[in-house]
Structure formats: C-alpha cells, structure tokens
N, C-alpha and C. Protein backbone atom coordinates (compact mmCIF):
# COMPACT_ATOMS: atom_id res chain seq x y z
N MET A 1 -19.67 10.01 33.92
CA MET A 1 -18.35 9.35 33.76
C MET A 1 -17.41 10.26 32.97
N PRO A 2 -16.32 10.58 33.47
CA PRO A 2 -15.34 11.40 32.65
C PRO A 2 -14.90 10.62 31.40
N LYS A 3 -14.56 11.36 30.33
CA LYS A 3 -13.99 10.78 29.18
C LYS A 3 -12.50 11.04 29.09
N ILE A 4 -11.71 10.03 28.97
CA ILE A 4 -10.18 10.21 28.88
C ILE A 4 -9.84 10.17 27.38
N THR A 5 -9.13 11.19 26.94
CA THR A 5 -8.72 11.35 25.69
C THR A 5 -7.22 11.66 25.56
N PRO A 6 -6.50 10.76 24.80
CA PRO A 6 -4.98 11.06 24.64
C PRO A 6 -4.87 12.40 24.00
N PHE A 7 -3.82 13.20 24.44
CA PHE A 7 -3.50 14.50 23.96
C PHE A 7 -2.04 14.41 23.46
N LEU A 8 -1.83 14.68 22.18
CA LEU A 8 -0.38 14.44 21.65
C LEU A 8 0.10 15.85 21.24
N TRP A 9 1.36 16.09 21.78
CA TRP A 9 2.03 17.29 21.55
C TRP A 9 2.99 17.18 20.38
N PHE A 10 2.83 17.92 19.34
CA PHE A 10 3.69 17.94 18.20
C PHE A 10 4.42 19.32 18.07
N ASP A 11 5.51 19.45 17.46
CA ASP A 11 6.20 20.61 17.26
C ASP A 11 5.27 21.49 16.33
N ASN A 12 5.08 21.16 15.10
CA ASN A 12 4.17 21.87 14.22
C ASN A 12 3.50 20.96 13.17
N GLN A 13 3.44 19.63 13.53
CA GLN A 13 2.88 18.75 12.52
C GLN A 13 1.56 18.10 12.92
N ALA A 14 0.79 18.80 13.80
CA ALA A 14 -0.44 18.20 14.24
C ALA A 14 -1.38 17.85 13.13
N GLU A 15 -1.56 18.80 12.18
CA GLU A 15 -2.54 18.55 11.15
C GLU A 15 -2.03 17.49 10.16
N GLU A 16 -0.72 17.46 9.86
CA GLU A 16 -0.10 16.36 9.01
C GLU A 16 -0.33 15.06 9.62
N ALA A 17 0.10 15.00 10.92
CA ALA A 17 0.04 13.75 11.67
C ALA A 17 -1.45 13.20 11.73
N THR A 18 -2.34 14.19 11.99
CA THR A 18 -3.77 13.79 12.02
C THR A 18 -4.27 13.08 10.77
N HIS A 19 -3.93 13.70 9.68
CA HIS A 19 -4.31 13.17 8.32
C HIS A 19 -3.61 11.80 8.09
N PHE A 20 -2.39 11.76 8.55
CA PHE A 20 -1.63 10.46 8.29
C PHE A 20 -2.27 9.34 9.13
N TYR A 21 -2.54 9.62 10.48
CA TYR A 21 -3.14 8.54 11.26
C TYR A 21 -4.57 8.15 10.72
N VAL A 22 -5.37 9.11 10.39
CA VAL A 22 -6.70 8.82 9.87
C VAL A 22 -6.63 8.06 8.61
N SER A 23 -5.63 8.26 7.82
CA SER A 23 -5.50 7.43 6.51
C SER A 23 -5.16 6.00 6.79
N ILE A 24 -4.67 5.68 7.93
CA ILE A 24 -4.12 4.30 8.21
C ILE A 24 -5.16 3.45 8.81
N PHE A 25 -5.99 4.00 9.83
CA PHE A 25 -6.93 3.20 10.56
C PHE A 25 -8.33 3.33 10.02
N LYS A 26 -8.96 2.12 9.90
CA LYS A 26 -10.31 2.12 9.44
C LYS A 26 -11.24 2.82 10.50
N ASN A 27 -12.45 3.21 10.10
CA ASN A 27 -13.41 3.89 10.97
C ASN A 27 -12.75 5.05 11.74
N SER A 28 -12.10 5.85 10.95
CA SER A 28 -11.38 6.99 11.59
C SER A 28 -11.76 8.25 10.84
N LYS A 29 -11.63 9.45 11.55
CA LYS A 29 -12.05 10.66 10.91
C LYS A 29 -11.40 11.82 11.61
N VAL A 30 -11.22 12.86 10.86
CA VAL A 30 -10.89 14.23 11.39
C VAL A 30 -12.16 14.82 11.97
N ILE A 31 -12.15 15.21 13.24
CA ILE A 31 -13.25 15.81 13.80
C ILE A 31 -13.24 17.30 13.74
N SER A 32 -12.05 17.90 13.98
CA SER A 32 -11.88 19.36 13.82
C SER A 32 -10.43 19.73 13.62
N ILE A 33 -10.22 20.84 12.97
CA ILE A 33 -8.85 21.43 12.77
C ILE A 33 -9.03 22.97 13.33
N ASN A 34 -8.32 23.23 14.35
CA ASN A 34 -8.49 24.54 14.99
C ASN A 34 -7.32 25.50 14.43
N ARG A 35 -7.69 26.72 14.06
CA ARG A 35 -6.78 27.65 13.44
C ARG A 35 -6.81 28.96 14.21
N MET A 36 -5.62 29.54 14.23
CA MET A 36 -5.57 30.99 14.77
C MET A 36 -6.06 31.90 13.75
N GLY A 37 -6.22 33.16 14.03
CA GLY A 37 -6.74 34.17 13.17
C GLY A 37 -6.04 34.15 11.82
N GLY A 38 -4.75 34.02 11.76
CA GLY A 38 -3.97 33.96 10.53
C GLY A 38 -3.94 32.74 9.74
N GLY A 39 -4.66 31.76 10.25
CA GLY A 39 -4.82 30.45 9.48
C GLY A 39 -3.93 29.41 9.99
N ALA A 40 -2.97 29.72 10.89
CA ALA A 40 -2.02 28.69 11.38
C ALA A 40 -2.77 27.64 12.28
N VAL A 41 -2.52 26.38 12.06
CA VAL A 41 -3.18 25.31 12.86
C VAL A 41 -2.59 25.30 14.31
N THR A 42 -3.51 25.39 15.26
CA THR A 42 -3.10 25.26 16.65
C THR A 42 -3.28 23.84 17.18
N GLY A 43 -4.23 23.20 16.67
CA GLY A 43 -4.47 21.81 17.13
C GLY A 43 -5.55 21.10 16.31
N THR A 44 -5.78 19.83 16.58
CA THR A 44 -6.75 19.09 15.87
C THR A 44 -7.52 18.13 16.88
N THR A 45 -8.58 17.64 16.45
CA THR A 45 -9.32 16.54 17.12
C THR A 45 -9.62 15.46 16.08
N PHE A 46 -9.27 14.24 16.43
CA PHE A 46 -9.57 13.20 15.35
C PHE A 46 -9.95 11.92 16.22
N SER A 47 -10.44 10.93 15.40
CA SER A 47 -10.72 9.65 16.08
C SER A 47 -10.16 8.51 15.21
N LEU A 48 -9.60 7.58 15.86
CA LEU A 48 -8.98 6.31 15.20
C LEU A 48 -9.76 5.16 15.71
N ASP A 49 -10.57 4.64 14.87
CA ASP A 49 -11.43 3.45 15.10
C ASP A 49 -12.24 3.68 16.40
N GLY A 50 -12.79 4.87 16.58
CA GLY A 50 -13.61 5.24 17.71
C GLY A 50 -13.00 5.88 18.87
N GLN A 51 -11.59 5.83 19.00
CA GLN A 51 -10.86 6.47 20.06
C GLN A 51 -10.57 7.88 19.65
N GLU A 52 -10.98 8.85 20.42
CA GLU A 52 -10.73 10.22 20.17
C GLU A 52 -9.36 10.69 20.67
N PHE A 53 -8.72 11.50 19.89
CA PHE A 53 -7.45 12.13 20.25
C PHE A 53 -7.50 13.61 20.02
N HIS A 54 -6.63 14.32 20.75
CA HIS A 54 -6.42 15.73 20.51
C HIS A 54 -4.89 15.84 20.16
N ALA A 55 -4.62 16.70 19.19
CA ALA A 55 -3.22 16.97 18.87
C ALA A 55 -2.98 18.49 18.91
N LEU A 56 -1.86 18.87 19.40
CA LEU A 56 -1.43 20.31 19.52
C LEU A 56 -0.22 20.62 18.85
N ASN A 57 -0.10 21.71 18.24
CA ASN A 57 1.16 22.25 17.71
C ASN A 57 1.74 23.07 18.84
N GLY A 58 2.51 22.52 19.70
CA GLY A 58 3.06 23.10 20.89
C GLY A 58 4.48 23.65 20.81
N GLY A 59 5.09 23.44 19.60
CA GLY A 59 6.46 23.81 19.51
C GLY A 59 7.47 22.69 19.94
N PRO A 60 8.75 23.03 19.81
CA PRO A 60 9.75 21.95 20.03
C PRO A 60 10.08 21.63 21.48
N LEU A 61 9.37 22.18 22.43
CA LEU A 61 9.80 21.99 23.81
C LEU A 61 9.82 20.56 24.31
N PHE A 62 8.69 19.81 23.98
CA PHE A 62 8.54 18.43 24.43
C PHE A 62 8.56 17.42 23.26
N LYS A 63 9.15 16.33 23.43
CA LYS A 63 9.22 15.22 22.48
C LYS A 63 8.51 14.01 22.97
N PHE A 64 8.14 13.13 22.08
CA PHE A 64 7.54 11.81 22.54
C PHE A 64 8.63 10.96 23.02
N THR A 65 8.39 10.05 23.93
CA THR A 65 9.35 8.99 24.40
C THR A 65 8.62 7.71 24.40
N GLU A 66 9.42 6.64 24.57
CA GLU A 66 8.81 5.34 24.68
C GLU A 66 8.07 5.07 26.07
N ALA A 67 8.16 6.11 26.91
CA ALA A 67 7.47 5.99 28.22
C ALA A 67 5.96 5.86 28.07
N ILE A 68 5.50 6.26 26.90
CA ILE A 68 4.04 6.01 26.55
C ILE A 68 3.93 5.61 25.14
N SER A 69 3.12 4.68 24.83
CA SER A 69 2.89 4.21 23.47
C SER A 69 1.45 3.88 23.23
N LEU A 70 1.09 3.85 21.96
CA LEU A 70 -0.27 3.51 21.62
C LEU A 70 -0.20 1.99 21.22
N TYR A 71 -1.02 1.21 21.98
CA TYR A 71 -1.13 -0.27 21.81
C TYR A 71 -2.27 -0.55 20.91
N VAL A 72 -1.97 -1.24 19.81
CA VAL A 72 -3.00 -1.58 18.81
C VAL A 72 -3.11 -3.17 18.91
N ASN A 73 -4.20 -3.58 19.34
CA ASN A 73 -4.58 -5.05 19.52
C ASN A 73 -5.32 -5.45 18.18
N ILE A 74 -4.69 -6.42 17.46
CA ILE A 74 -5.39 -6.78 16.15
C ILE A 74 -5.40 -8.35 16.12
N GLU A 75 -5.98 -8.82 15.09
CA GLU A 75 -6.26 -10.29 14.95
C GLU A 75 -5.36 -11.04 14.00
N THR A 76 -4.99 -10.47 12.83
CA THR A 76 -4.36 -11.25 11.79
C THR A 76 -2.97 -10.65 11.47
N GLN A 77 -2.09 -11.55 10.82
CA GLN A 77 -0.81 -11.22 10.39
C GLN A 77 -0.97 -10.19 9.32
N GLU A 78 -1.89 -10.25 8.55
CA GLU A 78 -2.10 -9.19 7.44
C GLU A 78 -2.20 -7.85 8.09
N GLU A 79 -2.99 -7.75 9.21
CA GLU A 79 -3.16 -6.40 9.83
C GLU A 79 -1.85 -6.00 10.50
N VAL A 80 -1.11 -6.91 11.13
CA VAL A 80 0.13 -6.61 11.68
C VAL A 80 1.08 -6.08 10.62
N ASP A 81 1.22 -6.75 9.51
CA ASP A 81 2.07 -6.32 8.34
C ASP A 81 1.73 -5.01 7.85
N GLU A 82 0.42 -4.76 7.58
CA GLU A 82 -0.05 -3.52 7.07
C GLU A 82 0.25 -2.37 8.01
N LEU A 83 -0.10 -2.47 9.29
CA LEU A 83 0.15 -1.34 10.21
C LEU A 83 1.61 -1.18 10.44
N TRP A 84 2.34 -2.26 10.47
CA TRP A 84 3.84 -2.15 10.78
C TRP A 84 4.48 -1.37 9.62
N GLU A 85 4.08 -1.71 8.40
CA GLU A 85 4.73 -1.05 7.22
C GLU A 85 4.29 0.41 7.19
N LYS A 86 3.02 0.78 7.37
CA LYS A 86 2.57 2.13 7.23
C LYS A 86 3.15 2.94 8.40
N LEU A 87 2.98 2.49 9.65
CA LEU A 87 3.44 3.30 10.71
C LEU A 87 4.94 3.47 10.89
N SER A 88 5.78 2.49 10.46
CA SER A 88 7.15 2.59 10.62
C SER A 88 7.84 3.34 9.47
N GLU A 89 7.11 3.65 8.36
CA GLU A 89 7.76 4.33 7.27
C GLU A 89 8.12 5.71 7.70
N GLY A 90 9.44 5.98 7.54
CA GLY A 90 9.93 7.26 7.92
C GLY A 90 10.31 7.25 9.45
N GLY A 91 9.95 6.20 10.19
CA GLY A 91 10.20 6.14 11.59
C GLY A 91 11.35 5.14 11.82
N SER A 92 11.07 4.36 12.89
CA SER A 92 12.16 3.30 13.20
C SER A 92 11.44 2.05 13.79
N GLU A 93 11.94 0.91 13.47
CA GLU A 93 11.47 -0.30 14.01
C GLU A 93 12.25 -0.68 15.29
N SER A 94 11.52 -1.28 16.20
CA SER A 94 12.19 -1.68 17.47
C SER A 94 11.90 -3.13 17.72
N ARG A 95 11.90 -3.58 18.91
CA ARG A 95 11.82 -5.03 19.27
C ARG A 95 10.40 -5.29 19.87
N CYS A 96 9.98 -6.51 19.81
CA CYS A 96 8.75 -7.00 20.47
C CYS A 96 7.53 -6.30 20.08
N GLY A 97 7.36 -5.96 18.77
CA GLY A 97 6.13 -5.27 18.32
C GLY A 97 6.13 -3.84 18.43
N TRP A 98 7.21 -3.15 18.90
CA TRP A 98 7.29 -1.78 19.03
C TRP A 98 7.90 -1.04 17.92
N LEU A 99 7.38 0.11 17.59
CA LEU A 99 8.00 1.01 16.57
C LEU A 99 7.73 2.46 16.85
N LYS A 100 8.46 3.24 16.23
CA LYS A 100 8.20 4.72 16.30
C LYS A 100 7.79 5.17 14.87
N ASP A 101 6.82 6.01 14.81
CA ASP A 101 6.39 6.52 13.54
C ASP A 101 7.28 7.80 13.20
N LYS A 102 7.03 8.30 12.05
CA LYS A 102 7.89 9.49 11.60
C LYS A 102 7.80 10.70 12.41
N TYR A 103 6.89 10.70 13.35
CA TYR A 103 6.68 11.93 14.22
C TYR A 103 7.36 11.61 15.65
N GLY A 104 7.87 10.39 15.82
CA GLY A 104 8.49 9.97 17.08
C GLY A 104 7.51 9.30 18.05
N LEU A 105 6.23 9.15 17.63
CA LEU A 105 5.31 8.44 18.64
C LEU A 105 5.48 6.98 18.56
N SER A 106 5.50 6.34 19.73
CA SER A 106 5.70 4.95 19.81
C SER A 106 4.36 4.19 19.75
N TRP A 107 4.44 3.08 19.04
CA TRP A 107 3.23 2.22 18.78
C TRP A 107 3.69 0.74 19.15
N GLN A 108 2.67 0.00 19.69
CA GLN A 108 2.86 -1.37 19.83
C GLN A 108 1.82 -2.11 18.95
N ILE A 109 2.30 -2.89 17.96
CA ILE A 109 1.38 -3.55 17.05
C ILE A 109 1.33 -4.97 17.45
N ILE A 110 0.33 -5.38 18.20
CA ILE A 110 0.27 -6.68 18.92
C ILE A 110 -0.95 -7.47 18.50
N PRO A 111 -0.72 -8.73 17.92
CA PRO A 111 -1.85 -9.59 17.64
C PRO A 111 -2.43 -10.17 18.92
N SER A 112 -3.74 -10.37 19.00
CA SER A 112 -4.32 -10.98 20.24
C SER A 112 -3.75 -12.34 20.57
N THR A 113 -3.29 -12.99 19.53
CA THR A 113 -2.73 -14.34 19.65
C THR A 113 -1.55 -14.28 20.67
N LEU A 114 -0.75 -13.37 20.63
CA LEU A 114 0.35 -13.20 21.59
C LEU A 114 -0.12 -13.28 23.07
N SER A 115 -1.14 -12.53 23.48
CA SER A 115 -1.70 -12.54 24.81
C SER A 115 -2.23 -13.87 25.21
N LYS A 116 -2.91 -14.44 24.23
CA LYS A 116 -3.49 -15.79 24.48
C LYS A 116 -2.49 -16.83 24.80
N LEU A 117 -1.42 -16.83 23.93
CA LEU A 117 -0.37 -17.83 24.10
C LEU A 117 0.49 -17.60 25.32
N LEU A 118 0.67 -16.31 25.70
CA LEU A 118 1.46 -15.99 26.91
C LEU A 118 0.71 -16.32 28.13
N SER A 119 -0.56 -16.34 28.05
CA SER A 119 -1.37 -16.61 29.25
C SER A 119 -1.66 -18.10 29.45
N ASP A 120 -1.04 -18.95 28.63
CA ASP A 120 -1.34 -20.40 28.69
C ASP A 120 -0.98 -20.92 30.11
N PRO A 121 -1.80 -21.79 30.76
CA PRO A 121 -1.50 -22.30 32.05
C PRO A 121 -0.18 -23.10 32.15
N ASP A 122 0.29 -23.65 31.02
CA ASP A 122 1.44 -24.40 30.95
C ASP A 122 2.69 -23.36 30.85
N PRO A 123 3.43 -23.21 31.94
CA PRO A 123 4.55 -22.23 31.91
C PRO A 123 5.59 -22.42 30.86
N ALA A 124 5.82 -23.76 30.51
CA ALA A 124 6.81 -24.07 29.52
C ALA A 124 6.38 -23.49 28.15
N LYS A 125 5.10 -23.72 27.81
CA LYS A 125 4.64 -23.22 26.53
C LYS A 125 4.70 -21.61 26.48
N ALA A 126 4.26 -21.00 27.60
CA ALA A 126 4.26 -19.54 27.71
C ALA A 126 5.64 -19.03 27.51
N LYS A 127 6.62 -19.72 28.20
CA LYS A 127 7.98 -19.27 28.15
C LYS A 127 8.57 -19.39 26.76
N ARG A 128 8.25 -20.45 26.02
CA ARG A 128 8.77 -20.66 24.67
C ARG A 128 8.19 -19.42 23.75
N VAL A 129 6.97 -19.16 24.01
CA VAL A 129 6.36 -18.00 23.18
C VAL A 129 7.02 -16.75 23.54
N LEU A 130 7.29 -16.49 24.82
CA LEU A 130 7.94 -15.26 25.28
C LEU A 130 9.33 -15.22 24.67
N ASN A 131 10.06 -16.23 24.71
CA ASN A 131 11.42 -16.26 24.10
C ASN A 131 11.40 -15.97 22.67
N ALA A 132 10.47 -16.59 21.87
CA ALA A 132 10.32 -16.35 20.42
C ALA A 132 10.01 -14.83 20.25
N MET A 133 9.07 -14.24 21.02
CA MET A 133 8.66 -12.87 20.85
C MET A 133 9.87 -11.92 21.09
N LEU A 134 10.66 -12.31 22.12
CA LEU A 134 11.80 -11.37 22.42
C LEU A 134 12.84 -11.33 21.27
N LYS A 135 12.89 -12.24 20.34
CA LYS A 135 13.78 -12.22 19.21
C LYS A 135 13.25 -11.41 18.03
N MET A 136 11.99 -11.04 18.15
CA MET A 136 11.25 -10.48 17.00
C MET A 136 11.27 -8.92 17.04
N GLY A 137 11.25 -8.32 15.87
CA GLY A 137 10.89 -6.88 15.79
C GLY A 137 9.41 -6.86 15.57
N LYS A 138 8.98 -6.97 14.33
CA LYS A 138 7.50 -7.11 14.03
C LYS A 138 7.07 -8.54 14.52
N ILE A 139 5.92 -8.61 15.14
CA ILE A 139 5.45 -9.81 15.67
C ILE A 139 4.95 -10.76 14.53
N GLU A 140 5.42 -11.98 14.53
CA GLU A 140 5.02 -12.98 13.46
C GLU A 140 4.25 -14.09 14.15
N ILE A 141 2.90 -14.15 13.87
CA ILE A 141 2.04 -15.04 14.55
C ILE A 141 2.48 -16.52 14.38
N GLU A 142 2.79 -16.91 13.09
CA GLU A 142 3.22 -18.27 12.73
C GLU A 142 4.38 -18.70 13.59
N LYS A 143 5.33 -17.89 13.77
CA LYS A 143 6.45 -18.25 14.71
C LYS A 143 6.11 -18.38 16.12
N LEU A 144 5.19 -17.53 16.60
CA LEU A 144 4.74 -17.66 17.99
C LEU A 144 4.05 -19.00 18.16
N ILE A 145 3.19 -19.35 17.23
CA ILE A 145 2.47 -20.60 17.28
C ILE A 145 3.39 -21.83 17.17
N ALA A 146 4.46 -21.74 16.39
CA ALA A 146 5.47 -22.79 16.23
C ALA A 146 6.19 -22.96 17.53
N ALA A 147 6.56 -21.88 18.16
CA ALA A 147 7.20 -21.90 19.43
C ALA A 147 6.32 -22.60 20.53
N TYR A 148 5.10 -22.18 20.51
CA TYR A 148 4.07 -22.76 21.46
C TYR A 148 3.93 -24.26 21.28
N GLU A 149 3.93 -24.71 20.05
CA GLU A 149 3.63 -26.16 19.76
C GLU A 149 4.91 -26.97 19.83
N SER A 150 6.07 -26.35 19.85
CA SER A 150 7.35 -27.13 19.87
C SER A 150 7.47 -27.87 21.29
N HIS A 151 8.28 -28.86 21.30
CA HIS A 151 8.53 -29.58 22.56
C HIS A 151 10.00 -29.58 22.91
C-alpha cells in the first residue's frame, strides 16, 4: 500500500516551521533535517501526532493558499483554544474554524462535536448549528450546543 505524505513548500523557513509545528502537537518529532554541503537546509521530514510531513526550502516561487488546509479534529474546547492561539500567532484568523499560521499555511481547528451536531437527523437542529458556526471565527463548542438545543 503506498504511503501518502503531505509535502510543504516553504521559501526558506522549512527548518523553522518544522520546529514550530513539532513544538505545538503532542506525539510529534523531527525525523530528519537535510543539508547541502555548505550547511544550508534543503528540507526536513517530521511527524505531527503520527502523520509524516516533508518540508522543502524551495524559494519564493510558490505560496500556500486556502485551496488546501490541514484539518485538525479534536475533542475539547481547551484543545481548540490552545491550537488556535498557537497556530494563529503571527498569522491570521478566519471564519468557521479556519486560520493561517505565520508561514501562510491554512489550518482548520475543528472539534468533533461540530460534525456530530451537523449530522443530526433533525434538519432544523443541524441548520441551527450550521448558522451558529458560520458566525464564528474560532469554533466555540458551548455556542454550538446552545444552538442545537434551542427551539
């Protein structure tokens, strides 16, 4: 079975970004840092909670866009708050659980509660949750539950 690994193109911040991401996620590690003969970093390999990534210092030719994002499915508001704060620092916050980190990479910080509530068989409940979520930047579980339970 082939292994699919995200490959991230940075201008010249692959090593810095690698250490930044590994410092944020539990069960994460730097696997390798690849250097040219003169010591300049060409790329890295790292894992975030078991998911392997490759990062390249490819120069300024390509930039990240929202067309691809890293989706982080978590359980608690505490986890949402912690990841939101750390990943958005120096970046930008967006809507509906999306943010860009300081390198321009898009992330979705989504509690599993959102998916559960949106998939409720009662369309009115699911719509209330969707409408509440559409007004949020960072996802707030208590507000989703309040919308779900309102009449």
